[in-house]
Amino acid sequence: MTIADIKKLIANDESRVLELKKSTGELVKAMQTLCAFLNSDGGWLFFGITPKLEILGQNVTDNTQREIAHEITKIEPAIKLPLEIVEVPERPGNFVIGIHVEAAKFGDAPYTYDGRAYYKVESTTVQMPRAMFEERLRRSNPTRFAWESQTPDSLRLEDLDERQIRNTVTYGINKGRMPASSASEDTMTLLDKFAMVENGKIKNAAAALFTKRPQDYPQFLLRMARFRGTEKRDFIDNMRVNGNFFELLDAGLAFLFKHLNQSGVVKGLRREEQLEIPFEALREALTNALCHRQLDSPSGSVGIAVFDDRVEIENAGHLPNELTVETIKLPHRSYPQNPIIANALYMTAYLESWGTGVSRMVDACKDAGVPEPTYGTDGLFVWITFKRPDLDTNLDTNLDTNLDTNLDTNSDTNTPLNITDKSNTSHNQHINSDTYSVSNLDTNLDTNSDGRLLLSDRQKEVLRYCIFPRSSKEILEHIGVISHQKNRERFINTLVDAGLLDRTQPDSPNSPNQRYVVKRK
């Protein structure tokens, strides 16, 4: 290195990667900056140059070099940093001392100087916050520092649901993932097989899977919402559940069943109900989110958002360094965020290994004829998006297909409805020619001057929504009205009386299991 090289390096003043000290009299602050460089983007530290870019140099003796070397030994982990010593031509006997360090890499242990960690905020050296320091420690040695590996004194066997542990082990045995002898082993032995015990103490991983006290862990949270439309504005349904892994998995799948459409497919002599998005794909996505979430943060929850056009499942955390949102669908190895939990779920057949989960979700969607899922991340959360089939966005097409009707909207935002279906004999007494005779029709629906029925926008939305069976509560929540008898009469019963909606249990009108569906052609 020459003075010319130094002048090029300092041409743009001090910065995030350049620090200037007048002399080694500022050695302590200089070492703090060196530590910050090691934890940030690297950089150059020079002694003998003022912050005003004056190259003065200083006297450099063997003792000067020993002092610098001694202070460098206070940096941990230990690192060897050679010195660049360059004489200043204009000031014979005076030298500039330069020290260069490389940028930190993801997964490097955080460096400390004299027991404290520092990092760079623009051109300023500041002490590293504890949360950042701990996060970098975990990244540097996930097995040792991960939350799931910790053994808190407060966690005891009686805090765990032993029945759930036994049921899970039995499932693993039935799937051939665990030996049959596991059924007769005591609970601590089973936890030890899951690598959830260390020196007689139970690890946090066991709490994540089996705790009976989820209230002690704010991150054991599942947020669920059904939004009206395609943005996070108006709620149709909003729930929050605290629980262990299995409780949250059950709650999440139940919520998805509640708010996604189902259709019947006849296979042999059986009729099977299928979700509009394959159940196997949704279950895999939710399992992955619950397994791979960031558990060390109290805000490390999982979320399910159902919109009119899509379903999003998100978890706190980040993608592994080896993967991006573009490459995650390609064949890859498994990089679990919480390897102890992931291994236990693999042993009990709740999770697959070898990174095959994403490809199986993609295949399930392809087999069902729906778009394959997509991934997104912002560094704090990872989410997977499933596009919902476009079942009911075209009102005329859907109603023409399912109701055999012709809709025309008038200026009053009500729709005259021409009923031409005479096949339902239970309503034959209401039919006069090709329209309902208003005088004989037992309904509260409005009519126009031609005697044709008029539907309000909300009544029209009920017909659109009930392509699949819906409960009265779901219907009224969907159109944004309070669930009480008056609204049931106005928005549901009148459509039933008009022959536009069918009850799934016509012989038991007041059944708690009653559902309503658009009358099929």
Protein backbone atom coordinates (compact mmCIF):
# COMPACT_ATOMS: atom_id res chain seq x y z
CA MET A 1 0.00 0.00 0.00
CA THR A 2 1.23 3.51 -0.86
CA ILE A 3 0.21 7.02 0.13
CA ALA A 4 -1.47 7.30 -3.27
CA ASP A 5 -3.62 4.28 -2.43
CA ILE A 6 -4.54 5.81 0.92
CA LYS A 7 -5.51 9.13 -0.70
CA LYS A 8 -7.90 7.28 -3.03
CA LEU A 9 -9.49 5.45 -0.09
CA ILE A 10 -10.11 8.62 1.96
CA ALA A 11 -11.19 10.81 -0.96
CA ASN A 12 -14.88 10.68 0.03
CA ASP A 13 -14.57 11.41 3.75
CA GLU A 14 -15.52 9.12 6.65
CA SER A 15 -18.34 6.70 6.00
CA ARG A 16 -19.85 3.39 6.99
CA VAL A 17 -16.66 1.68 5.74
CA LEU A 18 -14.01 4.29 6.60
CA GLU A 19 -12.84 5.59 9.97
CA LEU A 20 -9.99 8.10 10.52
CA LYS A 21 -8.10 8.63 13.78
CA LYS A 22 -5.43 11.29 14.36
CA SER A 23 -3.27 8.89 16.39
CA THR A 24 -3.26 5.72 18.49
CA GLY A 25 -4.16 7.97 21.41
CA GLU A 26 -7.74 7.10 20.34
CA LEU A 27 -7.01 3.39 20.38
CA VAL A 28 -10.04 2.30 22.42
CA LYS A 29 -12.55 4.11 20.20
CA ALA A 30 -10.69 2.85 17.15
CA MET A 31 -11.04 -0.77 18.32
CA GLN A 32 -14.77 -0.24 18.90
CA THR A 33 -15.00 0.91 15.29
CA LEU A 34 -12.97 -2.08 14.13
CA CYS A 35 -15.44 -4.35 15.96
CA ALA A 36 -18.32 -2.50 14.26
CA PHE A 37 -16.71 -3.04 10.86
CA LEU A 38 -16.47 -6.76 11.60
CA ASN A 39 -20.21 -6.84 12.43
CA SER A 40 -21.25 -4.69 9.46
CA ASP A 41 -19.90 -4.14 5.96
CA GLY A 42 -16.18 -4.23 6.75
CA GLY A 43 -13.95 -1.24 6.10
CA TRP A 44 -10.66 0.60 6.64
CA LEU A 45 -9.38 2.09 9.90
CA PHE A 46 -6.47 4.55 9.66
CA PHE A 47 -4.29 6.09 12.37
CA GLY A 48 -2.40 9.27 11.50
CA ILE A 49 -5.16 10.95 9.46
CA THR A 50 -7.47 13.58 10.92
CA PRO A 51 -11.23 13.62 10.27
CA LYS A 52 -10.50 16.68 8.06
CA LEU A 53 -8.48 14.36 5.79
CA GLU A 54 -5.08 15.78 6.84
CA ILE A 55 -2.45 13.05 6.44
CA LEU A 56 -0.11 13.80 9.35
CA GLY A 57 1.14 10.36 10.29
CA GLN A 58 2.59 9.55 13.70
CA ASN A 59 5.64 8.05 15.32
CA VAL A 60 5.39 4.25 15.16
CA THR A 61 7.59 2.16 17.46
CA ASP A 62 7.61 -1.50 18.43
CA ASN A 63 5.67 -0.51 21.53
CA THR A 64 3.02 1.18 19.34
CA GLN A 65 2.50 -2.03 17.39
CA ARG A 66 2.36 -4.12 20.60
CA GLU A 67 -0.34 -1.82 22.03
CA ILE A 68 -2.45 -2.24 18.90
CA ALA A 69 -1.92 -6.02 18.89
CA HIS A 70 -2.88 -6.21 22.59
CA GLU A 71 -6.16 -4.38 21.97
CA ILE A 72 -6.94 -6.60 18.99
CA THR A 73 -6.72 -9.63 21.31
CA LYS A 74 -9.75 -8.21 23.16
CA ILE A 75 -11.84 -8.81 20.02
CA GLU A 76 -13.76 -12.09 20.12
CA PRO A 77 -13.96 -14.45 18.31
CA ALA A 78 -10.17 -14.21 17.89
CA ILE A 79 -9.07 -12.71 14.61
CA LYS A 80 -5.71 -11.92 13.00
CA LEU A 81 -5.51 -8.42 11.52
CA PRO A 82 -2.26 -7.41 9.80
CA LEU A 83 -1.15 -3.78 9.95
CA GLU A 84 -0.34 -1.66 6.89
CA ILE A 85 2.38 0.87 7.90
CA VAL A 86 3.11 3.56 5.28
CA GLU A 87 5.52 6.49 5.68
CA VAL A 88 4.24 9.99 4.86
CA PRO A 89 6.66 11.41 2.21
CA GLU A 90 6.10 15.02 3.29
CA ARG A 91 6.74 14.15 6.96
CA PRO A 92 9.73 11.82 7.21
CA GLY A 93 9.62 9.56 10.29
CA ASN A 94 5.83 9.76 10.50
CA PHE A 95 3.71 6.84 9.42
CA VAL A 96 0.04 6.06 8.67
CA ILE A 97 -1.23 2.77 10.13
CA GLY A 98 -4.05 1.04 8.25
CA ILE A 99 -6.16 -1.95 9.26
CA HIS A 100 -8.68 -3.54 6.88
CA VAL A 101 -11.45 -6.04 7.73
CA GLU A 102 -13.88 -7.94 5.51
CA ALA A 103 -17.66 -7.55 5.69
CA ALA A 104 -19.64 -9.80 8.01
CA LYS A 105 -21.27 -12.84 6.43
CA PHE A 106 -24.69 -14.23 7.25
CA GLY A 107 -24.23 -16.82 9.98
CA ASP A 108 -21.00 -15.33 11.36
CA ALA A 109 -20.86 -15.06 15.12
CA PRO A 110 -21.14 -11.44 16.31
CA TYR A 111 -17.80 -9.89 17.26
CA THR A 112 -17.23 -8.17 20.60
CA TYR A 113 -14.52 -5.84 21.83
CA ASP A 114 -13.79 -5.92 25.54
CA GLY A 115 -17.05 -7.81 26.12
CA ARG A 116 -19.32 -5.50 24.09
CA ALA A 117 -20.58 -5.77 20.51
CA TYR A 118 -20.69 -2.80 18.14
CA TYR A 119 -22.02 -2.19 14.63
CA LYS A 120 -22.22 0.65 12.15
CA VAL A 121 -25.19 2.95 11.60
CA GLU A 122 -24.05 4.94 8.57
CA SER A 123 -20.75 6.52 9.70
CA THR A 124 -21.48 6.18 13.43
CA THR A 125 -20.26 3.36 15.67
CA VAL A 126 -22.94 2.27 18.17
CA GLN A 127 -23.29 -0.54 20.67
CA MET A 128 -25.29 -3.46 19.28
CA PRO A 129 -28.76 -3.96 20.84
CA ARG A 130 -29.14 -7.13 22.85
CA ALA A 131 -31.87 -8.52 20.58
CA MET A 132 -29.65 -8.13 17.50
CA PHE A 133 -26.70 -9.72 19.31
CA GLU A 134 -28.78 -12.72 20.41
CA GLU A 135 -30.23 -13.17 16.94
CA ARG A 136 -26.73 -13.25 15.43
CA LEU A 137 -25.64 -15.75 18.04
CA ARG A 138 -28.52 -18.01 17.09
CA ARG A 139 -27.67 -17.72 13.41
CA SER A 140 -24.03 -18.58 14.10
CA ASN A 141 -24.89 -21.75 16.02
CA PRO A 142 -28.57 -22.66 15.61
CA THR A 143 -28.28 -25.93 17.50
CA ARG A 144 -26.75 -24.36 20.59
CA PHE A 145 -28.58 -21.05 20.79
CA ALA A 146 -31.99 -21.83 19.26
CA TRP A 147 -35.04 -21.17 21.40
CA GLU A 148 -36.24 -24.73 20.95
CA SER A 149 -32.99 -26.05 22.49
CA GLN A 150 -33.22 -24.03 25.70
CA THR A 151 -34.14 -25.82 28.97
CA PRO A 152 -35.96 -23.35 31.23
CA ASP A 153 -36.25 -24.33 34.90
CA SER A 154 -39.94 -23.41 34.82
CA LEU A 155 -40.85 -26.09 32.25
CA ARG A 156 -41.90 -29.36 33.92
CA LEU A 157 -43.44 -32.61 32.77
CA GLU A 158 -46.81 -31.77 34.33
CA ASP A 159 -47.02 -28.74 32.01
CA LEU A 160 -47.21 -31.06 29.00
CA ASP A 161 -50.23 -32.91 27.63
CA GLU A 162 -49.11 -36.53 28.08
CA ARG A 163 -52.22 -37.82 26.33
CA GLN A 164 -51.25 -35.80 23.26
CA ILE A 165 -47.72 -37.16 23.45
CA ARG A 166 -49.05 -40.75 23.56
CA ASN A 167 -51.48 -40.16 20.70
CA THR A 168 -48.74 -38.61 18.59
CA VAL A 169 -46.37 -41.52 19.24
CA THR A 170 -49.12 -44.00 18.36
CA TYR A 171 -49.67 -42.21 15.07
CA GLY A 172 -45.93 -42.42 14.36
CA ILE A 173 -45.95 -46.15 15.14
CA ASN A 174 -48.92 -46.75 12.84
CA LYS A 175 -47.13 -44.91 10.03
CA GLY A 176 -43.97 -46.95 10.51
CA ARG A 177 -41.85 -44.01 11.63
CA MET A 178 -41.37 -45.21 15.22
CA PRO A 179 -40.77 -48.72 16.66
CA ALA A 180 -43.73 -50.50 18.25
CA SER A 181 -41.80 -50.68 21.54
CA SER A 182 -42.27 -46.92 21.93
CA ALA A 183 -45.87 -47.54 23.02
CA SER A 184 -44.71 -49.00 26.35
CA GLU A 185 -42.05 -46.41 27.20
CA ASP A 186 -42.50 -43.68 29.81
CA THR A 187 -43.06 -40.08 28.79
CA MET A 188 -39.57 -38.78 29.60
CA THR A 189 -38.04 -41.56 27.51
CA LEU A 190 -40.27 -40.62 24.60
CA LEU A 191 -39.27 -36.96 24.92
CA ASP A 192 -35.64 -38.04 24.99
CA LYS A 193 -36.21 -39.95 21.72
CA PHE A 194 -37.45 -36.67 20.28
CA ALA A 195 -34.18 -35.01 21.50
CA MET A 196 -36.28 -32.83 23.81
CA VAL A 197 -34.46 -33.63 27.06
CA GLU A 198 -31.00 -32.51 28.16
CA ASN A 199 -29.47 -33.37 31.54
CA GLY A 200 -32.89 -34.28 32.86
CA LYS A 201 -34.42 -30.95 31.81
CA ILE A 202 -37.14 -30.52 29.19
CA LYS A 203 -36.46 -28.31 26.19
CA ASN A 204 -38.73 -25.59 24.86
CA ALA A 205 -39.39 -27.73 21.77
CA ALA A 206 -41.58 -29.98 23.92
CA ALA A 207 -43.64 -26.98 25.02
CA ALA A 208 -44.17 -25.92 21.39
CA LEU A 209 -45.65 -29.32 20.57
CA PHE A 210 -47.35 -30.45 23.77
CA THR A 211 -47.85 -27.65 26.30
CA LYS A 212 -51.07 -27.44 28.29
CA ARG A 213 -50.28 -23.81 29.20
CA PRO A 214 -50.15 -21.90 25.89
CA GLN A 215 -51.00 -18.71 27.78
CA ASP A 216 -47.39 -18.71 29.03
CA TYR A 217 -46.13 -18.38 25.45
CA PRO A 218 -47.47 -15.37 23.52
CA GLN A 219 -45.83 -16.68 20.32
CA PHE A 220 -48.04 -19.79 20.40
CA LEU A 221 -50.70 -17.78 18.56
CA LEU A 222 -52.70 -18.36 15.39
CA ARG A 223 -54.40 -15.32 13.85
CA MET A 224 -57.28 -16.08 11.47
CA ALA A 225 -59.42 -13.71 9.45
CA ARG A 226 -61.92 -13.84 6.59
CA PHE A 227 -61.82 -10.50 4.79
CA ARG A 228 -64.50 -9.10 2.54
CA GLY A 229 -63.01 -8.40 -0.87
CA THR A 230 -59.31 -8.59 -1.67
CA GLU A 231 -57.77 -6.25 0.92
CA LYS A 232 -57.27 -6.32 4.70
CA ARG A 233 -60.03 -3.87 5.53
CA ASP A 234 -63.43 -5.30 6.48
CA PHE A 235 -63.68 -8.48 8.53
CA ILE A 236 -66.34 -11.10 7.95
CA ASP A 237 -64.77 -13.32 10.62
CA ASN A 238 -61.80 -12.72 12.93
CA MET A 239 -60.36 -15.21 15.42
CA ARG A 240 -57.25 -15.61 17.59
CA VAL A 241 -56.32 -18.96 19.16
CA ASN A 242 -53.51 -19.79 21.61
CA GLY A 243 -52.38 -23.39 21.71
CA ASN A 244 -49.66 -25.94 21.11
CA PHE A 245 -48.78 -27.11 17.61
CA PHE A 246 -51.57 -29.69 17.34
CA GLU A 247 -54.25 -27.37 18.73
CA LEU A 248 -53.27 -24.61 16.31
CA LEU A 249 -53.17 -27.02 13.38
CA ASP A 250 -56.70 -28.24 14.17
CA ALA A 251 -58.02 -24.69 14.66
CA GLY A 252 -56.49 -23.46 11.42
CA LEU A 253 -57.83 -26.31 9.30
CA ALA A 254 -61.30 -25.90 10.84
CA PHE A 255 -61.24 -22.19 9.94
CA LEU A 256 -60.27 -22.99 6.35
CA PHE A 257 -63.06 -25.57 6.09
CA LYS A 258 -65.49 -22.98 7.40
CA HIS A 259 -64.66 -20.29 4.87
CA LEU A 260 -63.69 -22.17 1.71
CA ASN A 261 -66.14 -23.64 -0.75
CA GLN A 262 -66.67 -27.38 -0.91
CA SER A 263 -67.94 -29.47 -3.80
CA GLY A 264 -69.06 -33.07 -4.01
CA VAL A 265 -67.37 -35.66 -6.19
CA VAL A 266 -68.87 -39.13 -6.63
CA LYS A 267 -66.23 -41.89 -6.45
CA GLY A 268 -67.74 -45.35 -6.80
CA LEU A 269 -70.67 -45.51 -4.41
CA ARG A 270 -69.38 -42.65 -2.24
CA ARG A 271 -69.74 -38.90 -2.48
CA GLU A 272 -66.59 -37.11 -1.30
CA GLU A 273 -66.50 -33.43 -0.35
CA GLN A 274 -63.50 -31.53 -1.71
CA LEU A 275 -62.26 -28.06 -0.83
CA GLU A 276 -61.77 -25.59 -3.66
CA ILE A 277 -58.04 -25.60 -2.69
CA PRO A 278 -56.72 -29.12 -2.03
CA PHE A 279 -56.83 -30.02 1.65
CA GLU A 280 -53.43 -31.77 1.43
CA ALA A 281 -51.80 -28.56 0.19
CA LEU A 282 -53.41 -26.38 2.86
CA ARG A 283 -52.50 -28.84 5.61
CA GLU A 284 -48.88 -29.00 4.42
CA ALA A 285 -48.62 -25.22 4.22
CA LEU A 286 -50.05 -24.70 7.71
CA THR A 287 -47.87 -27.49 9.15
CA ASN A 288 -44.79 -25.86 7.62
CA ALA A 289 -45.73 -22.43 8.95
CA LEU A 290 -46.24 -23.76 12.49
CA CYS A 291 -43.06 -25.85 12.38
CA HIS A 292 -40.67 -23.34 10.82
CA ARG A 293 -41.86 -20.11 12.49
CA GLN A 294 -39.53 -17.95 14.53
CA LEU A 295 -40.28 -19.01 18.10
CA ASP A 296 -37.82 -16.88 20.05
CA SER A 297 -39.86 -13.71 19.58
CA PRO A 298 -43.11 -13.06 21.52
CA SER A 299 -44.59 -11.82 18.23
CA GLY A 300 -43.65 -14.97 16.33
CA SER A 301 -47.20 -15.94 15.43
CA VAL A 302 -48.78 -17.59 12.40
CA GLY A 303 -51.57 -16.03 10.36
CA ILE A 304 -54.30 -17.27 8.01
CA ALA A 305 -56.03 -14.69 5.80
CA VAL A 306 -58.90 -15.72 3.52
CA PHE A 307 -59.86 -13.21 0.82
CA ASP A 308 -62.38 -13.43 -2.01
CA ASP A 309 -59.62 -14.30 -4.47
CA ARG A 310 -56.90 -16.03 -2.41
CA VAL A 311 -55.71 -17.60 0.84
CA GLU A 312 -52.49 -16.46 2.52
CA ILE A 313 -50.70 -18.40 5.29
CA GLU A 314 -47.80 -16.54 6.90
CA ASN A 315 -45.30 -17.16 9.67
CA ALA A 316 -42.75 -14.99 11.41
CA GLY A 317 -39.23 -15.71 10.21
CA HIS A 318 -37.16 -15.73 7.04
CA LEU A 319 -36.30 -18.14 4.26
CA PRO A 320 -33.09 -20.17 4.66
CA ASN A 321 -30.04 -18.53 3.07
CA GLU A 322 -29.96 -21.32 0.52
CA LEU A 323 -33.46 -20.58 -0.83
CA THR A 324 -35.36 -17.70 -2.43
CA VAL A 325 -39.03 -17.26 -3.37
CA GLU A 326 -38.01 -18.23 -6.91
CA THR A 327 -35.97 -21.35 -6.06
CA ILE A 328 -38.04 -22.78 -3.20
CA LYS A 329 -40.21 -24.74 -5.66
CA LEU A 330 -37.19 -26.40 -7.21
CA PRO A 331 -35.80 -29.64 -5.75
CA HIS A 332 -33.86 -28.76 -2.59
CA ARG A 333 -32.66 -30.12 0.71
CA SER A 334 -34.50 -29.56 3.97
CA TYR A 335 -33.41 -26.50 5.96
CA PRO A 336 -35.66 -26.47 9.04
CA GLN A 337 -35.81 -23.34 11.19
CA ASN A 338 -36.48 -25.52 14.25
CA PRO A 339 -34.76 -28.87 13.58
CA ILE A 340 -35.77 -30.53 16.88
CA ILE A 341 -39.45 -29.81 16.31
CA ALA A 342 -39.18 -30.75 12.63
CA ASN A 343 -37.53 -34.08 13.49
CA ALA A 344 -40.23 -34.94 16.04
CA LEU A 345 -42.95 -34.16 13.49
CA TYR A 346 -41.17 -36.31 10.94
CA MET A 347 -40.90 -39.22 13.39
CA THR A 348 -44.63 -38.97 14.05
CA ALA A 349 -45.52 -38.62 10.32
CA TYR A 350 -46.90 -35.08 10.57
CA LEU A 351 -44.12 -33.70 8.40
CA GLU A 352 -42.10 -35.00 5.48
CA SER A 353 -38.34 -34.69 5.27
CA TRP A 354 -35.87 -33.93 2.47
CA GLY A 355 -37.58 -30.71 1.37
CA THR A 356 -40.42 -32.44 -0.50
CA GLY A 357 -43.30 -30.54 1.09
CA VAL A 358 -43.35 -27.68 -1.40
CA SER A 359 -43.31 -29.95 -4.46
CA ARG A 360 -46.15 -32.03 -3.00
CA MET A 361 -48.25 -28.89 -2.50
CA VAL A 362 -47.59 -27.88 -6.09
CA ASP A 363 -48.52 -31.35 -7.36
CA ALA A 364 -51.74 -31.42 -5.29
CA CYS A 365 -52.84 -28.09 -6.79
CA LYS A 366 -52.01 -29.23 -10.32
CA ASP A 367 -53.97 -32.44 -9.83
CA ALA A 368 -56.97 -30.41 -8.64
CA GLY A 369 -56.74 -28.03 -11.59
CA VAL A 370 -56.02 -24.93 -9.50
CA PRO A 371 -53.01 -22.57 -9.78
CA GLU A 372 -49.89 -23.64 -7.94
CA PRO A 373 -49.04 -21.61 -4.80
CA THR A 374 -46.57 -18.72 -4.74
CA TYR A 375 -44.20 -17.55 -2.00
CA GLY A 376 -43.30 -14.12 -0.66
CA THR A 377 -41.10 -12.69 2.09
CA ASP A 378 -40.15 -9.30 3.52
CA GLY A 379 -37.37 -10.53 5.82
CA LEU A 380 -39.68 -10.59 8.83
CA PHE A 381 -42.42 -12.89 7.56
CA VAL A 382 -42.68 -15.65 4.98
CA TRP A 383 -46.03 -16.33 3.33
CA ILE A 384 -47.54 -18.73 0.82
CA THR A 385 -50.48 -17.70 -1.37
CA PHE A 386 -53.11 -20.01 -2.86
CA LYS A 387 -55.32 -18.51 -5.55
CA ARG A 388 -58.99 -19.37 -5.12
CA PRO A 389 -60.90 -20.65 -8.15
CA ASP A 390 -63.05 -17.97 -9.77
CA LEU A 391 -66.35 -19.58 -8.77
CA ASP A 392 -68.73 -16.70 -8.29
CA THR A 393 -67.40 -13.43 -9.67
CA ASN A 394 -69.69 -13.44 -12.72
CA LEU A 395 -73.21 -13.09 -11.41
CA ASP A 396 -75.10 -13.51 -14.70
CA THR A 397 -73.19 -16.65 -15.70
CA ASN A 398 -73.56 -18.32 -12.32
CA LEU A 399 -77.21 -17.53 -11.87
CA ASP A 400 -78.07 -18.45 -15.45
CA THR A 401 -76.36 -21.81 -14.91
CA ASN A 402 -77.77 -22.62 -11.50
CA LEU A 403 -81.12 -20.84 -11.47
CA ASP A 404 -82.12 -20.70 -15.15
CA THR A 405 -82.96 -17.01 -14.75
CA ASN A 406 -82.53 -13.81 -16.70
CA LEU A 407 -81.33 -10.81 -14.68
CA ASP A 408 -81.63 -7.18 -15.72
CA THR A 409 -80.78 -4.39 -13.30
CA ASN A 410 -83.03 -1.36 -13.15
CA SER A 411 -82.24 2.16 -12.02
CA ASP A 412 -83.27 1.37 -8.45
CA THR A 413 -80.35 -1.14 -8.09
CA ASN A 414 -82.96 -3.91 -7.77
CA THR A 415 -83.02 -6.76 -10.27
CA PRO A 416 -86.22 -8.00 -12.00
CA LEU A 417 -86.09 -11.79 -11.90
CA ASN A 418 -87.87 -13.78 -14.60
CA ILE A 419 -88.47 -17.31 -13.30
CA THR A 420 -88.78 -19.90 -16.10
CA ASP A 421 -88.02 -23.13 -14.21
CA LYS A 422 -91.31 -25.10 -13.78
CA SER A 423 -89.67 -28.36 -12.79
CA ASN A 424 -90.09 -27.92 -9.03
CA THR A 425 -93.65 -29.15 -8.38
CA SER A 426 -93.64 -27.83 -4.82
CA HIS A 427 -93.89 -24.34 -6.33
CA ASN A 428 -96.18 -25.07 -9.28
CA GLN A 429 -99.08 -23.26 -7.63
CA HIS A 430 -97.00 -20.05 -7.78
CA ILE A 431 -96.29 -20.23 -11.51
CA ASN A 432 -98.39 -18.29 -14.01
CA SER A 433 -97.14 -18.70 -17.59
CA ASP A 434 -93.39 -18.00 -17.55
CA THR A 435 -93.32 -15.80 -14.46
CA TYR A 436 -94.40 -15.98 -10.85
CA SER A 437 -97.90 -14.69 -10.30
CA VAL A 438 -97.52 -12.05 -7.63
CA SER A 439 -101.03 -12.54 -6.30
CA ASN A 440 -100.37 -16.20 -5.55
CA LEU A 441 -96.72 -15.92 -4.47
CA ASP A 442 -96.24 -16.09 -0.70
CA THR A 443 -93.17 -13.82 -0.52
CA ASN A 444 -92.08 -10.43 0.75
CA LEU A 445 -90.00 -9.67 -2.33
CA ASP A 446 -90.80 -6.50 -4.22
CA THR A 447 -92.11 -6.58 -7.80
CA ASN A 448 -92.13 -4.28 -10.77
CA SER A 449 -95.12 -3.23 -12.87
CA ASP A 450 -94.86 -6.40 -14.97
CA GLY A 451 -95.27 -8.57 -11.90
CA ARG A 452 -91.68 -9.77 -11.95
CA LEU A 453 -89.69 -10.18 -8.71
CA LEU A 454 -87.17 -7.54 -7.73
CA LEU A 455 -83.99 -8.48 -5.85
CA SER A 456 -82.02 -6.00 -3.81
CA ASP A 457 -78.24 -6.01 -4.13
CA ARG A 458 -77.94 -7.93 -0.85
CA GLN A 459 -80.50 -10.55 -1.89
CA LYS A 460 -78.61 -10.91 -5.16
CA GLU A 461 -75.38 -11.36 -3.17
CA VAL A 462 -77.03 -14.12 -1.10
CA LEU A 463 -77.75 -16.06 -4.30
CA ARG A 464 -74.18 -15.51 -5.47
CA TYR A 465 -72.77 -16.65 -2.12
CA CYS A 466 -74.97 -19.76 -1.78
CA ILE A 467 -73.62 -21.63 -4.77
CA PHE A 468 -72.39 -23.93 -1.97
CA PRO A 469 -74.42 -24.71 1.19
CA ARG A 470 -74.18 -21.95 3.80
CA SER A 471 -75.63 -21.48 7.28
CA SER A 472 -77.86 -18.50 8.00
CA LYS A 473 -75.15 -17.01 10.22
CA GLU A 474 -72.57 -17.28 7.44
CA ILE A 475 -74.96 -15.73 4.92
CA LEU A 476 -75.86 -12.73 7.07
CA GLU A 477 -72.25 -12.15 8.08
CA HIS A 478 -71.24 -12.28 4.43
CA ILE A 479 -73.67 -9.53 3.41
CA GLY A 480 -72.82 -7.46 6.47
CA VAL A 481 -76.04 -7.48 8.50
CA ILE A 482 -76.80 -8.48 12.09
CA SER A 483 -77.91 -12.07 12.56
CA HIS A 484 -81.47 -11.87 13.89
CA GLN A 485 -84.90 -13.13 12.85
CA LYS A 486 -85.93 -10.03 10.90
CA ASN A 487 -82.90 -10.24 8.63
CA ARG A 488 -83.29 -14.01 8.23
CA GLU A 489 -86.85 -13.42 7.00
CA ARG A 490 -85.84 -10.63 4.64
CA PHE A 491 -82.66 -12.04 3.12
CA ILE A 492 -83.10 -15.84 3.39
CA ASN A 493 -86.65 -17.01 3.98
CA THR A 494 -88.11 -14.82 1.23
CA LEU A 495 -85.69 -16.39 -1.25
CA VAL A 496 -86.67 -19.85 -0.01
CA ASP A 497 -90.37 -19.01 -0.39
CA ALA A 498 -89.70 -17.74 -3.91
CA GLY A 499 -88.08 -21.04 -4.84
CA LEU A 500 -84.65 -19.50 -5.31
CA LEU A 501 -82.96 -21.11 -2.30
CA ASP A 502 -83.28 -24.69 -1.07
CA ARG A 503 -82.92 -25.88 2.50
CA THR A 504 -80.53 -28.84 2.87
CA GLN A 505 -82.91 -30.21 5.55
CA PRO A 506 -86.38 -29.22 4.25
CA ASP A 507 -88.21 -31.40 6.80
CA SER A 508 -86.50 -29.64 9.72
CA PRO A 509 -86.54 -25.89 8.95
CA ASN A 510 -85.21 -24.95 12.40
CA SER A 511 -82.42 -27.53 12.55
CA PRO A 512 -79.12 -26.12 13.90
CA ASN A 513 -77.43 -27.92 11.01
CA GLN A 514 -79.62 -26.22 8.41
CA ARG A 515 -77.85 -24.89 5.31
CA TYR A 516 -79.12 -22.97 2.29
CA VAL A 517 -78.06 -23.46 -1.33
CA VAL A 518 -79.13 -21.99 -4.68
CA LYS A 519 -81.77 -24.16 -6.35
CA ARG A 520 -80.13 -26.17 -9.07
CA LYS A 521 -81.47 -26.17 -12.62
